[in-house]
Structures are given as C-alpha cells and as structure tokens.
Protein backbone atom coordinates (compact mmCIF):
# COMPACT_ATOMS: atom_id res chain seq x y z
CA MET A 1 107.79 131.80 97.90
CA GLU A 2 105.54 129.78 95.62
CA LYS A 3 102.02 129.44 96.94
CA PHE A 4 99.77 126.45 96.42
CA LEU A 5 96.49 128.23 96.98
CA HIS A 6 94.44 127.95 93.82
CA GLU A 7 91.12 129.41 92.97
CA GLY A 8 88.80 126.61 92.11
CA THR A 9 90.27 123.14 91.97
CA CYS A 10 93.84 122.44 93.07
CA PRO A 11 95.26 119.71 90.80
CA ILE A 12 97.52 118.36 93.52
CA ARG A 13 94.80 118.03 96.13
CA ASP A 14 92.06 116.96 93.74
CA VAL A 15 93.79 114.43 91.49
CA ILE A 16 96.58 112.94 93.59
CA SER A 17 94.34 112.53 96.62
CA ARG A 18 92.10 110.25 94.56
CA PHE A 19 94.77 107.62 93.97
CA GLY A 20 97.24 108.45 96.73
CA ASP A 21 95.56 106.52 99.53
CA LYS A 22 96.82 103.08 100.52
CA TRP A 23 93.87 101.15 99.11
CA SER A 24 93.94 102.76 95.67
CA LEU A 25 97.65 102.03 95.29
CA LEU A 26 97.03 98.40 96.21
CA VAL A 27 94.15 98.17 93.72
CA PHE A 28 96.35 99.67 91.00
CA LYS A 29 99.15 97.20 91.73
CA THR A 30 96.76 94.25 91.94
CA LEU A 31 95.11 95.03 88.59
CA LYS A 32 98.46 95.74 86.92
CA THR A 33 99.97 92.48 88.18
CA ASN A 34 96.95 90.21 87.66
CA GLY A 35 95.08 91.87 84.80
CA THR A 36 91.29 91.80 84.67
CA LEU A 37 89.76 90.59 87.94
CA ARG A 38 86.40 90.20 89.60
CA PHE A 39 85.58 91.99 92.85
CA ASN A 40 86.22 88.98 95.11
CA GLU A 41 89.52 88.25 93.38
CA ILE A 42 90.70 91.81 94.04
CA GLN A 43 89.59 91.53 97.66
CA LYS A 44 91.41 88.20 98.11
CA SER A 45 94.54 89.57 96.48
CA ILE A 46 94.68 92.60 98.81
CA GLY A 47 93.57 90.62 101.83
CA ASP A 48 92.81 93.08 104.60
CA ILE A 49 90.49 95.47 102.75
CA SER A 50 86.83 95.43 103.73
CA GLN A 51 84.11 94.91 101.12
CA ARG A 52 82.83 98.44 101.75
CA MET A 53 86.26 100.05 101.39
CA LEU A 54 86.99 98.12 98.19
CA THR A 55 83.62 99.19 96.75
CA VAL A 56 84.29 102.85 97.59
CA THR A 57 87.85 102.64 96.18
CA LEU A 58 86.79 100.98 92.92
CA ARG A 59 83.96 103.48 92.40
CA SER A 60 86.33 106.39 92.99
CA LEU A 61 88.92 105.00 90.55
CA GLU A 62 86.20 104.27 88.00
CA GLU A 63 84.76 107.78 88.37
CA ASP A 64 88.17 109.29 87.60
CA GLY A 65 88.70 106.97 84.65
CA PHE A 66 91.58 104.94 86.10
CA VAL A 67 89.60 101.67 86.24
CA LYS A 68 87.18 100.11 83.77
CA ARG A 69 84.19 98.16 85.02
CA LYS A 70 82.56 95.67 82.68
CA ILE A 71 79.21 94.07 83.48
CA TYR A 72 78.26 90.89 81.64
CA PRO A 73 74.53 90.25 81.07
CA GLU A 74 74.46 86.90 82.83
CA VAL A 75 72.54 85.46 85.75
CA PRO A 76 74.02 86.13 88.24
CA PRO A 77 75.69 89.19 86.73
CA ARG A 78 79.45 89.00 86.32
CA VAL A 79 81.46 92.18 86.86
CA GLU A 80 85.13 92.54 86.00
CA TYR A 81 87.60 95.34 86.69
CA SER A 82 90.72 96.31 84.79
CA LEU A 83 92.98 99.32 84.42
CA SER A 84 91.91 101.81 81.77
CA ASP A 85 94.38 103.43 79.39
CA LEU A 86 94.62 106.33 81.83
CA GLY A 87 95.30 103.92 84.71
CA GLU A 88 97.94 102.12 82.64
CA SER A 89 99.61 105.45 81.84
CA LEU A 90 99.91 106.17 85.57
CA MET A 91 101.43 102.79 86.44
CA PRO A 92 105.09 103.54 85.56
CA HIS A 93 105.01 106.45 88.00
CA LEU A 94 103.30 104.40 90.72
CA GLU A 95 105.71 101.50 90.17
CA ASN A 96 108.63 103.90 90.69
CA LEU A 97 107.01 105.08 93.92
CA LEU A 98 106.40 101.49 95.05
CA ALA A 99 110.01 100.52 94.21
CA TRP A 100 111.27 103.51 96.20
CA THR A 101 109.04 102.45 99.10
CA LEU A 102 110.39 98.89 99.12
CA GLU A 103 113.95 100.16 98.84
CA ASN A 104 113.56 102.57 101.78
CA GLN A 105 111.05 100.78 104.00
CA LYS A 106 113.57 99.42 106.52
CA ARG A 107 115.31 102.78 106.83
CA ILE A 108 112.00 104.59 107.39
CA MET A 109 110.89 102.05 110.00
CA ASP A 110 114.25 102.42 111.79
CA LEU A 111 113.94 106.20 111.75
CA ARG A 112 110.42 105.96 113.17
CA ARG A 113 111.67 103.79 116.03
CA VAL A 114 114.55 106.18 116.72
CA TYR A 115 112.13 109.11 116.72
CA ARG A 116 109.84 107.30 119.18
CA ILE A 117 112.78 106.60 121.47
CA LYS A 118 113.96 110.19 121.36
CA SER A 119 110.47 111.49 122.11
CA SER A 120 109.50 108.76 124.59
CA ARG A 121 109.23 109.53 128.29
CA ASN A 122 108.50 105.93 129.25
CA TRP A 123 111.10 103.23 128.60
CA ASN A 124 108.36 100.57 128.45
CA GLU A 125 106.99 102.15 125.26
CA ILE A 126 110.21 101.66 123.31
CA PRO A 127 110.04 98.99 120.58
CA PHE A 128 113.22 96.98 121.01
CA HIS A 129 114.97 94.11 119.26
CA PRO A 130 118.37 93.03 120.64
CA TYR A 131 120.06 93.04 117.21
CA ASP A 132 118.64 96.36 116.10
CA PHE A 133 121.73 98.57 116.41
CA SER A 134 119.95 101.76 115.37
CA ILE A 135 117.69 101.33 118.39
CA LEU A 136 120.64 100.57 120.67
CA PHE A 137 122.42 103.68 119.43
CA ALA A 138 119.31 105.81 119.98
CA ILE A 139 118.96 104.48 123.53
CA PHE A 140 122.64 105.21 124.16
CA ALA A 141 122.22 108.71 122.71
CA LYS A 142 119.19 109.33 124.91
CA LEU A 143 120.96 108.12 128.04
CA PHE A 144 124.02 110.25 127.47
CA GLN A 145 122.29 113.17 125.75
CA ILE A 146 124.44 112.90 122.63
C-alpha cells in the first residue's frame, strides 16, 4: 500500500489545496476568460463572493505565483489582476476539470438525491420533481427494498 505521509511538506496537500477551493477555481476561470481585471470586475464576474473572501483568495493565488497584481501610481491607485505564466500553465488542467464537472453535474446531483432518499428516514425531507425518474426509481426501491 502506498502511503501519503510525507516528512515536511506534502505536495498534494500544500499545492493543490491552494487552488482547489471553489473561489480560486472561479478566479482562475474569470481571469482566463476575461483577461486582466480590476478587483471589482472580478467580484462582479463571480457574483456571490464577498469582498473579504476575494481579497484572501487573490492574496493566496498571488503568494503562490498563480496571479500577478499590478499597481498603477495614480490617484486613486488602480490595481489590476491577471494570470501569471504559472497560472496560465495550470489552466489547461483546470479547464479539463471544469469540463468534466459540467459534463457530469446532472449525474452527480441525481446521485446525491438518490443517496438522500436511501438514507432519509423522513419522507418530507426528500427533494422531489415529478419528472425526475431517478428519484421515482429510488423511492420505489426504498418502498420495496430492492
């Protein structure tokens, strides 16, 4: 059995955890799609990210060298963000992951609902749509213990 206990820094935990959260992936995709953007433009593009969370995410990505931050000596100061060469080199891999996610999203959501039905003890907790046959099948299976 291969073990993933490393002395010192574990590359999987240390590096992937820095860009593997939902906000970082959205920042990567936003900057790749739109190019160089200001803070408020990134925030508007993502929509539901708080100012604090976007600040923390951008600083983390800048610290690891995935994002470049350029400050212009103007009044008021203008700050722009873009992907660095390292960030650009990661994008083909992230785009494959995002494509896989879009391709499998419905299936995963269906499987989650089926799981909730199978593990539910209260019928009122079951998410139900009359044309969702995977849900109907799961309810049937639960009723008849298939």
